[in-house]
N, C-alpha and C. Protein backbone atom coordinates (compact mmCIF):
# COMPACT_ATOMS: atom_id res chain seq x y z
N MET A 1 5.65 69.19 49.34
CA MET A 1 6.25 69.57 50.60
C MET A 1 5.02 69.98 51.41
N LEU A 2 4.90 69.51 52.66
CA LEU A 2 3.74 69.53 53.64
C LEU A 2 4.07 70.86 54.19
N LEU A 3 5.13 71.48 54.64
CA LEU A 3 5.39 72.65 55.40
C LEU A 3 5.08 73.88 54.66
N SER A 4 4.35 74.79 55.22
CA SER A 4 4.15 76.25 54.72
C SER A 4 5.45 77.14 54.67
N PHE A 5 5.44 78.08 53.84
CA PHE A 5 6.67 78.97 54.00
C PHE A 5 6.88 79.40 55.25
N PRO A 6 6.07 79.96 56.23
CA PRO A 6 6.51 80.38 57.38
C PRO A 6 7.06 79.17 58.22
N ASN A 7 6.59 78.08 58.04
CA ASN A 7 6.97 76.99 58.87
C ASN A 7 8.34 76.59 58.52
N TRP A 8 8.75 76.75 57.15
CA TRP A 8 9.91 76.74 56.60
C TRP A 8 10.87 77.52 57.13
N ILE A 9 10.65 78.91 57.36
CA ILE A 9 11.42 79.68 58.00
C ILE A 9 11.78 79.31 59.32
N ILE A 10 10.79 78.86 60.15
CA ILE A 10 11.10 78.48 61.38
C ILE A 10 12.05 77.38 61.53
N HIS A 11 11.80 76.16 60.80
CA HIS A 11 12.67 75.16 60.76
C HIS A 11 14.29 75.63 60.31
N ILE A 12 14.46 76.40 59.26
CA ILE A 12 15.54 76.67 58.79
C ILE A 12 16.36 77.58 59.93
N SER A 13 15.61 78.40 60.59
CA SER A 13 16.12 79.30 61.48
C SER A 13 16.65 78.50 62.75
N SER A 14 15.77 77.48 63.16
CA SER A 14 16.39 76.54 64.20
C SER A 14 17.74 75.93 63.95
N ALA A 15 17.95 75.48 62.57
CA ALA A 15 19.27 74.79 62.25
C ALA A 15 20.25 75.84 62.31
N LEU A 16 19.97 77.12 61.66
CA LEU A 16 20.98 78.02 61.60
C LEU A 16 21.44 78.49 63.05
N GLU A 17 20.46 78.69 63.87
CA GLU A 17 20.87 79.17 65.24
C GLU A 17 21.70 78.28 66.11
N TRP A 18 21.37 76.95 65.86
CA TRP A 18 22.28 75.87 66.70
C TRP A 18 23.61 76.00 66.12
N GLY A 19 23.85 76.23 64.73
CA GLY A 19 25.16 76.38 64.21
C GLY A 19 25.86 77.50 64.82
N ILE A 20 25.16 78.70 64.58
CA ILE A 20 25.78 79.86 65.11
C ILE A 20 26.14 79.89 66.52
N GLY A 21 25.26 79.33 67.46
CA GLY A 21 25.75 79.13 68.87
C GLY A 21 26.87 78.26 68.98
N ALA A 22 27.04 77.25 68.25
CA ALA A 22 28.26 76.31 68.08
C ALA A 22 29.48 77.33 67.83
N ALA A 23 29.28 78.12 66.61
CA ALA A 23 30.48 78.97 66.17
C ALA A 23 30.86 79.88 67.25
N LEU A 24 29.77 80.67 67.88
CA LEU A 24 30.19 81.59 68.80
C LEU A 24 30.99 80.95 70.14
N LEU A 25 30.62 79.75 70.64
CA LEU A 25 31.15 79.16 71.66
C LEU A 25 32.48 78.76 71.24
N PHE A 26 32.76 78.26 70.13
CA PHE A 26 34.23 78.12 69.63
C PHE A 26 34.96 79.20 69.58
N ARG A 27 34.43 80.36 69.12
CA ARG A 27 35.28 81.69 69.01
C ARG A 27 35.41 81.99 70.46
N TYR A 28 34.53 81.80 71.51
CA TYR A 28 34.87 82.20 72.95
C TYR A 28 36.06 81.39 73.45
N GLY A 29 36.07 80.04 73.08
CA GLY A 29 37.06 79.17 73.25
C GLY A 29 38.48 79.69 72.79
N GLN A 30 38.52 80.28 71.66
CA GLN A 30 39.73 80.85 71.00
C GLN A 30 40.26 82.03 71.66
N LEU A 31 39.31 82.86 71.93
CA LEU A 31 39.63 84.27 72.78
C LEU A 31 40.12 83.87 74.14
N THR A 32 39.44 82.88 74.76
CA THR A 32 39.96 82.61 76.29
C THR A 32 41.05 81.58 76.21
N GLY A 33 41.52 81.06 75.21
CA GLY A 33 42.52 79.98 75.23
C GLY A 33 42.00 78.80 75.74
N ARG A 34 40.69 78.32 75.90
CA ARG A 34 40.08 77.22 76.54
C ARG A 34 39.87 76.24 75.42
N ARG A 35 40.72 75.18 75.36
CA ARG A 35 40.59 74.07 74.54
C ARG A 35 39.44 73.12 74.76
N ASP A 36 38.98 73.22 76.04
CA ASP A 36 37.95 72.36 76.56
C ASP A 36 36.43 72.98 75.96
N ILE A 37 36.43 74.36 75.93
CA ILE A 37 35.27 75.04 75.32
C ILE A 37 35.26 74.91 73.94
N ARG A 38 36.22 74.83 73.24
CA ARG A 38 36.34 74.70 71.59
C ARG A 38 35.73 73.14 71.43
N ILE A 39 36.14 72.30 72.18
CA ILE A 39 35.67 70.80 72.20
C ILE A 39 34.21 70.84 72.28
N PHE A 40 33.92 71.27 73.34
CA PHE A 40 32.44 71.51 73.69
C PHE A 40 31.56 72.09 72.37
N ALA A 41 32.20 73.05 71.79
CA ALA A 41 31.47 73.66 70.57
C ALA A 41 31.38 72.74 69.52
N LEU A 42 32.48 71.94 69.32
CA LEU A 42 32.65 71.11 68.26
C LEU A 42 31.66 70.07 68.38
N SER A 43 31.39 69.50 69.80
CA SER A 43 30.50 68.56 70.00
C SER A 43 29.03 68.79 69.83
N MET A 44 28.76 70.15 69.44
CA MET A 44 27.47 70.28 69.03
C MET A 44 27.18 70.25 67.71
N LEU A 45 28.08 69.94 66.71
CA LEU A 45 28.01 69.69 65.34
C LEU A 45 27.24 68.47 64.89
N PRO A 46 27.30 67.25 65.71
CA PRO A 46 26.65 66.08 65.22
C PRO A 46 25.03 66.44 65.25
N HIS A 47 24.48 67.19 66.45
CA HIS A 47 23.04 67.74 66.58
C HIS A 47 22.79 68.64 65.14
N TRP A 48 23.74 69.44 64.92
CA TRP A 48 23.64 70.31 63.90
C TRP A 48 23.26 69.61 62.62
N SER A 49 24.36 68.71 62.30
CA SER A 49 23.97 67.80 61.00
C SER A 49 22.78 67.01 60.92
N GLY A 50 22.13 66.55 62.22
CA GLY A 50 21.11 65.91 62.20
C GLY A 50 19.80 66.68 61.77
N SER A 51 19.91 68.00 62.14
CA SER A 51 18.77 68.90 61.69
C SER A 51 18.88 68.90 60.33
N PHE A 52 19.77 68.74 59.51
CA PHE A 52 19.53 68.85 57.98
C PHE A 52 18.96 67.67 57.52
N PHE A 53 18.96 66.42 58.14
CA PHE A 53 18.29 65.33 57.82
C PHE A 53 16.89 65.46 58.02
N ILE A 54 16.50 66.24 59.08
CA ILE A 54 15.09 66.57 59.27
C ILE A 54 14.48 67.36 58.19
N LEU A 55 15.36 68.38 57.80
CA LEU A 55 14.98 69.32 56.73
C LEU A 55 14.73 68.43 55.35
N GLY A 56 15.77 67.57 55.11
CA GLY A 56 15.48 66.75 53.96
C GLY A 56 14.29 65.94 54.01
N TYR A 57 13.99 65.37 55.27
CA TYR A 57 12.78 64.53 55.40
C TYR A 57 11.49 65.42 54.94
N HIS A 58 11.43 66.46 55.46
CA HIS A 58 10.45 67.51 55.14
C HIS A 58 10.38 67.99 53.71
N ILE A 59 11.58 68.07 53.02
CA ILE A 59 11.57 68.44 51.60
C ILE A 59 11.01 67.25 50.88
N SER A 60 11.05 65.99 51.34
CA SER A 60 10.62 64.90 50.60
C SER A 60 9.14 64.72 50.85
N GLY A 61 8.47 65.56 51.47
CA GLY A 61 7.14 65.51 51.97
C GLY A 61 7.05 64.37 53.02
N ASP A 62 7.91 64.06 53.75
CA ASP A 62 7.88 63.09 54.94
C ASP A 62 7.70 61.82 54.30
N SER A 63 8.23 61.55 53.09
CA SER A 63 8.08 60.26 52.31
C SER A 63 9.34 59.51 52.33
N ILE A 64 10.35 59.86 53.12
CA ILE A 64 11.57 59.01 53.34
C ILE A 64 11.89 58.81 54.69
N PRO A 65 11.20 57.95 55.33
CA PRO A 65 11.64 57.87 56.86
C PRO A 65 12.89 57.54 57.10
N LEU A 66 13.67 56.84 56.24
CA LEU A 66 15.02 56.81 56.63
C LEU A 66 15.93 58.01 56.97
N LEU A 67 15.32 59.12 56.39
CA LEU A 67 16.20 60.33 56.77
C LEU A 67 15.70 60.49 58.25
N LEU A 68 14.56 60.20 58.64
CA LEU A 68 14.21 60.40 59.92
C LEU A 68 15.02 59.44 61.04
N ASP A 69 15.11 58.29 60.54
CA ASP A 69 15.82 57.32 61.29
C ASP A 69 17.54 57.79 61.37
N LEU A 70 18.03 58.25 60.34
CA LEU A 70 19.33 58.69 60.28
C LEU A 70 19.45 59.88 61.42
N SER A 71 18.43 60.63 61.32
CA SER A 71 18.60 61.97 62.22
C SER A 71 18.62 61.49 63.77
N GLU A 72 17.82 60.41 63.88
CA GLU A 72 17.66 60.05 65.30
C GLU A 72 19.12 59.49 65.79
N ILE A 73 19.52 58.77 64.95
CA ILE A 73 20.68 57.96 65.19
C ILE A 73 21.92 58.95 65.42
N ILE A 74 22.08 60.08 64.57
CA ILE A 74 22.92 61.18 64.67
C ILE A 74 22.74 61.89 66.16
N ASN A 75 21.54 61.96 66.17
CA ASN A 75 21.32 62.85 67.56
C ASN A 75 21.76 62.23 68.74
N LEU A 76 21.50 60.87 68.71
CA LEU A 76 22.10 59.91 69.90
C LEU A 76 23.64 60.30 70.06
N PHE A 77 24.37 60.02 68.92
CA PHE A 77 25.70 60.31 68.93
C PHE A 77 25.95 61.73 69.35
N GLY A 78 25.01 62.76 69.00
CA GLY A 78 25.31 64.14 69.38
C GLY A 78 25.01 64.27 70.88
N SER A 79 24.11 63.61 71.56
CA SER A 79 23.92 63.67 72.99
C SER A 79 25.03 63.17 73.67
N ILE A 80 25.54 62.01 73.16
CA ILE A 80 26.83 61.38 73.72
C ILE A 80 27.99 62.23 73.75
N SER A 81 28.30 63.02 72.34
CA SER A 81 29.10 63.85 72.29
C SER A 81 29.22 64.97 73.34
N LEU A 82 27.97 65.75 73.57
CA LEU A 82 27.80 66.74 74.49
C LEU A 82 27.96 66.15 75.83
N LEU A 83 27.75 65.16 76.23
CA LEU A 83 27.82 64.61 77.56
C LEU A 83 29.28 64.35 77.76
N LEU A 84 30.10 63.76 76.96
CA LEU A 84 31.61 63.67 77.09
C LEU A 84 32.35 64.87 77.16
N ALA A 85 31.80 65.87 76.29
CA ALA A 85 32.48 67.23 76.34
C ALA A 85 32.21 67.99 77.70
N THR A 86 31.03 67.68 78.23
CA THR A 86 30.69 68.51 79.42
C THR A 86 31.44 67.76 80.61
N LEU A 87 31.51 66.52 80.48
CA LEU A 87 32.47 65.64 81.54
C LEU A 87 34.04 66.30 81.42
N ASN A 88 34.39 66.58 80.11
CA ASN A 88 35.79 67.08 79.99
C ASN A 88 35.95 68.61 80.56
N LEU A 89 34.74 69.26 80.54
CA LEU A 89 34.74 70.72 81.28
C LEU A 89 34.82 70.52 82.58
N LEU A 90 33.90 69.49 83.11
CA LEU A 90 33.84 69.39 84.64
C LEU A 90 35.34 69.05 85.32
N LYS A 91 36.01 68.22 84.48
CA LYS A 91 37.45 67.77 84.83
C LYS A 91 38.35 68.83 84.85
N SER A 92 38.00 69.93 83.83
CA SER A 92 38.90 71.15 83.84
C SER A 92 38.71 72.12 85.02
N THR A 93 37.76 71.95 85.63
CA THR A 93 37.34 72.92 86.70
C THR A 93 38.44 72.78 87.95
N LYS A 94 39.22 71.40 88.00
CA LYS A 94 40.14 71.34 88.92
C LYS A 94 39.68 71.24 90.33
N LYS A 95 38.28 70.78 90.33
CA LYS A 95 37.99 70.64 91.74
C LYS A 95 37.65 69.10 92.06
N GLU A 96 37.50 68.86 93.19
CA GLU A 96 37.47 67.40 93.42
C GLU A 96 36.28 66.81 92.94
N ALA A 97 36.34 65.71 92.25
CA ALA A 97 35.34 64.97 91.33
C ALA A 97 34.34 64.40 92.20
N SER A 98 32.93 64.84 91.78
CA SER A 98 31.85 64.34 92.65
C SER A 98 30.82 63.91 91.65
N PHE A 99 31.02 63.11 90.72
CA PHE A 99 30.12 62.89 89.59
C PHE A 99 28.83 62.02 90.02
N VAL A 100 27.59 62.90 90.08
CA VAL A 100 26.45 62.54 90.52
C VAL A 100 25.58 62.53 89.37
N PHE A 101 25.47 61.21 88.71
CA PHE A 101 24.72 61.12 87.66
C PHE A 101 23.10 60.95 87.97
N THR A 102 22.22 61.69 87.33
CA THR A 102 20.88 61.32 87.54
C THR A 102 20.48 59.93 87.21
N ALA A 103 19.65 59.14 87.84
CA ALA A 103 19.34 57.92 87.62
C ALA A 103 18.03 58.16 86.77
N ALA A 104 17.41 57.01 86.53
CA ALA A 104 16.49 57.10 85.27
C ALA A 104 15.50 58.20 85.76
N LEU A 105 15.20 59.29 84.75
CA LEU A 105 14.36 60.35 84.96
C LEU A 105 13.16 60.06 84.26
N GLY A 106 13.28 59.05 83.45
CA GLY A 106 12.10 58.65 82.54
C GLY A 106 12.51 59.03 81.20
N ALA A 107 12.46 57.89 80.24
CA ALA A 107 12.77 58.12 78.84
C ALA A 107 11.61 58.66 78.26
N ILE A 108 11.95 59.47 77.20
CA ILE A 108 11.02 60.23 76.38
C ILE A 108 10.66 59.22 75.18
N MET A 109 9.40 58.79 74.98
CA MET A 109 9.06 58.13 74.08
C MET A 109 8.05 58.79 73.04
N ILE A 110 8.44 59.11 71.85
CA ILE A 110 7.69 59.92 70.93
C ILE A 110 6.99 59.10 69.91
N SER A 111 5.63 59.04 70.07
CA SER A 111 4.76 58.31 69.11
C SER A 111 4.16 59.01 67.92
N GLY A 112 3.69 58.36 67.05
CA GLY A 112 2.96 59.04 65.79
C GLY A 112 4.06 59.37 64.72
N LYS A 113 5.20 58.67 64.77
CA LYS A 113 6.12 58.79 63.72
C LYS A 113 5.75 57.78 62.73
N PRO A 114 6.19 58.20 61.56
CA PRO A 114 6.04 57.03 60.26
C PRO A 114 6.73 55.85 60.54
N GLN A 115 6.49 54.67 59.85
CA GLN A 115 7.07 53.46 60.12
C GLN A 115 8.61 53.59 59.80
N SER A 116 9.39 52.94 60.65
CA SER A 116 10.82 53.09 60.63
C SER A 116 11.38 51.97 59.73
N TYR A 117 12.40 52.10 58.95
CA TYR A 117 13.28 51.07 58.29
C TYR A 117 14.03 50.21 59.33
N LEU A 118 14.34 50.77 60.40
CA LEU A 118 15.11 50.11 61.41
C LEU A 118 14.09 49.28 62.23
N GLY A 119 12.83 49.40 62.16
CA GLY A 119 12.10 48.66 63.10
C GLY A 119 11.43 49.53 64.26
N ASP A 120 10.32 49.44 64.63
CA ASP A 120 9.85 50.14 65.78
C ASP A 120 10.49 50.00 67.18
N ASP A 121 10.91 48.73 67.44
CA ASP A 121 11.69 48.51 68.80
C ASP A 121 12.96 49.33 68.80
N ILE A 122 13.80 49.12 67.75
CA ILE A 122 15.02 49.84 67.79
C ILE A 122 14.90 51.34 67.70
N PHE A 123 13.86 51.83 66.89
CA PHE A 123 13.70 53.24 66.79
C PHE A 123 13.42 53.81 68.16
N ASP A 124 12.41 53.09 68.97
CA ASP A 124 12.03 53.57 70.14
C ASP A 124 13.09 53.57 71.15
N THR A 125 13.93 52.50 71.37
CA THR A 125 15.24 52.37 72.05
C THR A 125 16.09 53.47 71.78
N ILE A 126 16.35 53.73 70.52
CA ILE A 126 17.39 54.94 70.12
C ILE A 126 16.69 56.33 70.80
N LEU A 127 15.38 56.42 70.67
CA LEU A 127 14.76 57.70 71.19
C LEU A 127 14.97 57.77 72.74
N GLN A 128 14.76 56.58 73.39
CA GLN A 128 14.91 56.57 74.81
C GLN A 128 16.36 56.74 75.40
N LEU A 129 17.08 56.14 74.74
CA LEU A 129 18.72 56.18 75.13
C LEU A 129 19.09 57.53 74.97
N SER A 130 18.69 58.20 73.60
CA SER A 130 19.23 59.57 73.48
C SER A 130 18.65 60.54 74.62
N SER A 131 17.42 60.40 74.99
CA SER A 131 16.80 61.06 75.91
C SER A 131 17.50 60.99 77.27
N VAL A 132 17.81 59.94 77.74
CA VAL A 132 18.53 59.80 79.05
C VAL A 132 19.85 60.33 78.90
N VAL A 133 20.65 60.05 77.76
CA VAL A 133 21.83 60.73 77.68
C VAL A 133 21.93 62.16 77.61
N TYR A 134 20.91 62.87 76.95
CA TYR A 134 20.67 64.27 77.05
C TYR A 134 20.29 64.92 78.52
N ILE A 135 19.60 64.13 79.03
CA ILE A 135 19.04 64.78 80.34
C ILE A 135 20.56 64.61 81.37
N SER A 136 21.15 63.44 81.16
CA SER A 136 22.29 63.42 82.08
C SER A 136 23.29 64.43 81.58
N PHE A 137 23.39 64.92 80.28
CA PHE A 137 24.28 66.06 79.85
C PHE A 137 23.65 67.29 80.67
N LEU A 138 22.44 67.45 80.56
CA LEU A 138 21.71 68.86 81.26
C LEU A 138 22.11 68.89 82.66
N VAL A 139 22.19 67.83 83.38
CA VAL A 139 22.46 67.68 84.91
C VAL A 139 23.96 68.04 85.01
N LEU A 140 24.79 67.40 84.33
CA LEU A 140 26.30 67.81 84.36
C LEU A 140 26.59 69.22 84.08
N LEU A 141 25.76 69.72 83.13
CA LEU A 141 25.95 71.20 82.52
C LEU A 141 25.69 72.11 83.71
N LEU A 142 24.67 71.78 84.35
CA LEU A 142 24.39 72.51 85.63
C LEU A 142 25.50 72.48 86.75
N VAL A 143 26.16 71.31 86.94
CA VAL A 143 27.17 71.30 87.79
C VAL A 143 28.45 72.21 87.24
N VAL A 144 28.72 72.13 86.00
CA VAL A 144 29.72 72.91 85.41
C VAL A 144 29.47 74.43 85.71
N TYR A 145 28.35 74.69 85.52
CA TYR A 145 27.97 76.16 85.47
C TYR A 145 28.03 76.64 86.99
N ARG A 146 27.74 75.80 87.86
CA ARG A 146 27.86 76.23 89.32
C ARG A 146 29.25 76.42 89.62
N ARG A 147 30.14 75.32 89.14
CA ARG A 147 31.42 75.55 89.54
C ARG A 147 32.35 76.60 88.75
N ASP A 148 31.90 76.98 87.67
CA ASP A 148 32.67 77.93 86.77
C ASP A 148 31.63 78.79 85.93
N ARG A 149 31.28 79.84 86.51
CA ARG A 149 30.21 80.88 85.80
C ARG A 149 31.05 81.58 84.63
N THR A 150 32.39 81.20 84.33
CA THR A 150 32.97 81.86 83.12
C THR A 150 32.78 81.23 81.94
N ILE A 151 32.41 80.09 82.07
CA ILE A 151 32.26 78.96 80.67
C ILE A 151 31.10 79.45 79.90
N PHE A 152 29.83 79.42 80.72
CA PHE A 152 28.63 79.41 79.97
C PHE A 152 27.88 80.62 80.47
N SER A 153 27.08 81.18 79.69
CA SER A 153 26.28 82.24 80.20
C SER A 153 25.11 81.40 80.76
N GLY A 154 24.27 82.16 81.75
CA GLY A 154 23.13 81.43 82.29
C GLY A 154 22.00 81.19 80.96
N VAL A 155 22.04 82.17 80.23
CA VAL A 155 20.97 82.11 79.00
C VAL A 155 21.24 80.82 78.05
N THR A 156 22.51 80.53 78.09
CA THR A 156 22.90 79.39 77.15
C THR A 156 22.53 77.98 78.08
N VAL A 157 22.81 78.09 79.08
CA VAL A 157 22.47 76.86 80.03
C VAL A 157 20.87 76.63 80.00
N ALA A 158 20.14 77.70 80.11
CA ALA A 158 18.67 77.79 79.86
C ALA A 158 18.23 77.48 78.65
N GLY A 159 18.94 77.67 77.52
CA GLY A 159 18.46 77.30 76.18
C GLY A 159 18.59 76.06 76.11
N PHE A 160 19.78 75.24 76.54
CA PHE A 160 19.92 73.67 76.41
C PHE A 160 18.84 72.98 77.12
N TRP A 161 18.35 73.59 78.46
CA TRP A 161 17.30 73.00 79.22
C TRP A 161 16.04 73.30 78.62
N PHE A 162 15.84 74.30 77.63
CA PHE A 162 14.46 74.59 77.11
C PHE A 162 14.16 73.42 76.00
N VAL A 163 15.25 72.88 75.62
CA VAL A 163 15.01 71.89 74.69
C VAL A 163 14.02 70.88 75.10
N LEU A 164 14.01 70.47 76.37
CA LEU A 164 12.97 69.76 77.01
C LEU A 164 11.58 70.25 76.94
N VAL A 165 11.53 71.43 77.20
CA VAL A 165 10.08 72.10 76.85
C VAL A 165 9.77 71.92 75.35
N PHE A 166 10.60 71.96 74.38
CA PHE A 166 10.20 71.83 73.01
C PHE A 166 9.89 70.21 72.71
N ILE A 167 10.53 69.39 73.56
CA ILE A 167 10.30 68.01 73.18
C ILE A 167 8.91 67.74 73.87
N SER A 168 8.66 68.03 75.18
CA SER A 168 7.41 67.88 75.81
C SER A 168 6.22 68.42 74.85
N PHE A 169 6.30 69.74 74.67
CA PHE A 169 5.32 70.16 73.84
C PHE A 169 5.23 69.64 72.56
N THR A 170 6.21 69.25 71.87
CA THR A 170 5.93 68.52 70.50
C THR A 170 5.01 67.24 70.68
N ILE A 171 5.39 66.46 71.86
CA ILE A 171 4.81 65.19 72.10
C ILE A 171 3.13 65.47 72.31
N PHE A 172 3.00 66.68 72.92
CA PHE A 172 1.52 66.95 73.21
C PHE A 172 0.76 67.51 71.82
N CYS A 173 1.59 68.16 70.95
CA CYS A 173 1.00 68.57 69.84
C CYS A 173 0.77 67.40 68.74
N MET A 174 1.64 66.34 68.84
CA MET A 174 1.70 65.14 68.05
C MET A 174 0.29 64.69 68.58
N TYR A 175 0.17 64.34 69.76
CA TYR A 175 -1.40 63.89 70.34
C TYR A 175 -2.53 64.76 69.67
N LEU A 176 -2.51 65.79 69.83
CA LEU A 176 -3.48 66.87 69.16
C LEU A 176 -3.88 66.54 67.80
N ALA A 177 -2.46 66.47 66.92
CA ALA A 177 -2.77 66.35 65.60
C ALA A 177 -3.14 65.07 65.24
N THR A 178 -2.62 63.88 65.71
CA THR A 178 -3.05 62.61 65.26
C THR A 178 -4.18 62.09 65.77
N VAL A 179 -4.36 62.31 67.16
CA VAL A 179 -5.40 61.62 67.86
C VAL A 179 -6.83 62.42 67.82
N VAL A 180 -6.60 63.86 68.22
CA VAL A 180 -7.56 64.53 68.41
C VAL A 180 -8.26 65.19 66.94
N ARG A 181 -7.25 65.58 66.07
CA ARG A 181 -7.53 66.39 64.88
C ARG A 181 -7.60 65.20 63.78
N GLY A 182 -7.17 64.07 63.88
CA GLY A 182 -7.23 63.15 63.00
C GLY A 182 -6.18 63.17 61.78
N PHE A 183 -4.94 64.01 61.91
CA PHE A 183 -4.04 63.97 60.89
C PHE A 183 -2.99 62.69 61.03
N PRO A 184 -2.54 62.46 59.63
CA PRO A 184 -1.64 61.26 59.82
C PRO A 184 -0.51 61.52 60.62
N THR A 185 0.23 62.60 60.51
CA THR A 185 1.23 62.95 61.36
C THR A 185 1.18 64.47 61.89
N LEU A 186 2.01 64.86 62.53
CA LEU A 186 2.19 66.22 63.07
C LEU A 186 2.54 67.34 61.89
N SER A 187 3.33 66.86 60.97
CA SER A 187 3.65 67.50 59.89
C SER A 187 2.44 68.00 58.93
N HIS A 188 1.33 67.22 59.14
CA HIS A 188 0.14 67.55 58.29
C HIS A 188 -0.72 68.59 58.83
N ASP A 189 -0.33 68.83 60.12
CA ASP A 189 -1.09 70.09 60.85
C ASP A 189 -0.06 71.12 60.84
N ASP A 190 -0.03 71.90 59.99
CA ASP A 190 0.91 72.93 59.93
C ASP A 190 1.02 74.05 61.02
N LEU A 191 -0.12 74.42 61.72
CA LEU A 191 -0.24 75.35 62.66
C LEU A 191 0.46 74.64 63.83
N LEU A 192 0.03 73.45 64.44
CA LEU A 192 0.65 72.89 65.50
C LEU A 192 2.16 72.48 65.22
N HIS A 193 2.56 72.15 63.98
CA HIS A 193 3.89 71.65 63.92
C HIS A 193 4.80 73.01 63.93
N GLY A 194 4.23 74.17 63.38
CA GLY A 194 5.06 75.40 63.37
C GLY A 194 5.18 75.99 64.80
N VAL A 195 4.06 75.81 65.63
CA VAL A 195 4.00 76.27 67.05
C VAL A 195 5.18 75.57 67.70
N ALA A 196 5.00 74.29 67.65
CA ALA A 196 5.94 73.23 68.25
C ALA A 196 7.42 73.54 67.99
N GLU A 197 7.68 73.74 66.66
CA GLU A 197 9.04 74.02 66.21
C GLU A 197 9.54 75.29 66.50
N SER A 198 8.88 76.22 66.81
CA SER A 198 9.05 77.67 67.19
C SER A 198 9.89 77.77 68.51
N LEU A 199 9.57 76.62 69.46
CA LEU A 199 10.03 76.48 70.66
C LEU A 199 11.47 75.97 70.59
N LEU A 200 11.83 75.24 69.58
CA LEU A 200 13.14 74.74 69.30
C LEU A 200 13.91 76.09 68.97
N THR A 201 13.31 76.84 67.99
CA THR A 201 13.98 78.07 67.65
C THR A 201 14.56 79.02 68.88
N ILE A 202 13.33 79.13 69.70
CA ILE A 202 13.57 79.97 70.93
C ILE A 202 14.90 79.42 71.63
N SER A 203 14.89 78.05 71.77
CA SER A 203 15.84 77.33 72.59
C SER A 203 17.37 77.64 71.91
N ASN A 204 17.29 77.42 70.64
CA ASN A 204 18.59 77.49 70.06
C ASN A 204 18.99 79.10 69.93
N LEU A 205 18.17 79.84 69.82
CA LEU A 205 18.36 81.41 69.91
C LEU A 205 18.96 81.80 71.38
N MET A 206 18.38 81.30 72.37
CA MET A 206 18.95 81.28 73.73
C MET A 206 20.44 80.97 73.82
N ILE A 207 20.65 79.83 73.37
CA ILE A 207 22.06 79.18 73.23
C ILE A 207 23.07 80.27 72.57
N ALA A 208 22.57 80.65 71.47
CA ALA A 208 23.41 81.60 70.65
C ALA A 208 23.55 83.01 71.22
N ILE A 209 22.47 83.54 71.90
CA ILE A 209 22.67 84.74 72.62
C ILE A 209 23.51 84.87 73.84
N GLY A 210 23.43 83.60 74.47
CA GLY A 210 24.09 83.36 75.76
C GLY A 210 25.80 83.35 75.33
N ALA A 211 25.90 82.63 74.27
CA ALA A 211 27.46 82.60 73.82
C ALA A 211 27.97 83.93 73.41
N HIS A 212 27.18 84.65 72.57
CA HIS A 212 27.50 86.00 72.44
C HIS A 212 27.49 86.95 73.44
N ARG A 213 26.94 86.87 74.55
CA ARG A 213 27.15 87.62 75.70
C ARG A 213 28.45 87.20 76.53
N ARG A 214 28.91 85.86 76.40
CA ARG A 214 30.05 85.46 76.96
C ARG A 214 31.30 86.25 76.29
N ILE A 215 31.12 86.27 74.94
CA ILE A 215 32.21 86.97 74.04
C ILE A 215 32.26 88.49 74.30
N ARG A 216 31.09 88.96 74.48
CA ARG A 216 31.11 90.43 74.88
C ARG A 216 31.76 90.70 76.14
N ASP A 217 31.40 89.99 77.09
CA ASP A 217 31.74 90.09 78.41
C ASP A 217 33.32 89.89 78.59
N TYR A 218 33.94 88.94 77.71
CA TYR A 218 35.34 88.71 77.61
C TYR A 218 36.01 90.11 77.11
N GLU A 219 35.43 90.52 76.14
CA GLU A 219 36.15 91.59 75.23
C GLU A 219 36.02 92.81 76.15
N THR A 220 34.87 93.20 77.00
CA THR A 220 34.86 94.17 77.69
C THR A 220 35.48 94.28 79.10
N GLY A 221 36.02 93.16 79.23
CA GLY A 221 36.78 93.04 80.65
C GLY A 221 35.94 92.57 81.97
N ARG A 222 34.72 92.18 81.56
CA ARG A 222 33.96 91.71 82.69
C ARG A 222 34.31 90.16 82.91
N ILE A 223 34.91 89.66 82.17
CA ILE A 223 35.53 88.28 82.37
C ILE A 223 36.95 88.46 82.05
N THR A 224 37.79 88.34 83.21
CA THR A 224 39.24 88.58 82.87
C THR A 224 39.83 87.32 82.28
N ARG A 225 41.13 87.77 81.66
CA ARG A 225 41.88 86.71 81.07
C ARG A 225 42.28 85.52 82.05
N SER A 226 42.68 85.95 83.31
CA SER A 226 42.93 85.04 84.31
C SER A 226 41.73 84.22 84.43
N GLN A 227 40.55 84.54 84.49
CA GLN A 227 39.33 83.86 84.88
C GLN A 227 39.14 83.06 83.46
N GLY A 228 39.23 83.62 82.45
CA GLY A 228 38.96 82.74 81.18
C GLY A 228 39.99 81.78 80.86
């Protein structure tokens, strides 16, 4: 295995935090009687399952790229799931629909990955499509947050957006590791890999903390049952 013990802790923490965030949001949906919030929490599960394929890929010493391909496919469906669940939340705000989707903001192309069993073109297309869908989800998430502040904490919304910081920094680290420092992949540069993954840990922790704050606010009366 290429990852050091501290790096494994970071990766496992990232996966656990996303799952905890989903569970807390589901709990909040139960407390408030909001089915749409529970649906959103469930829509986070595909991304969560994809993280275990990444862990399996690293357990194999990055020797089974099929696991990486499967994680990207699952993440695409996860992004679509989040987008649809956010549209459902937007509809539940009962305000006049004004769906303004962001046009092409630029697809995120990740280089330096191992050879894909699905083919490079298909692999890159999946990454680009997943990125566009996720960015569309983020834009609609802001619309939902602006219309109804009782659904998400601002910390949770910021956590979802912070994923873009993680992706951008990971691309930069991949360039440094493979081009500047001459490693085969980012995983071979344990320091840069760990620093990049730590940003995802921060992002997922923000999502979980924000969901916990919503539950606490509801239980302490800061968010009333009529609002929830």
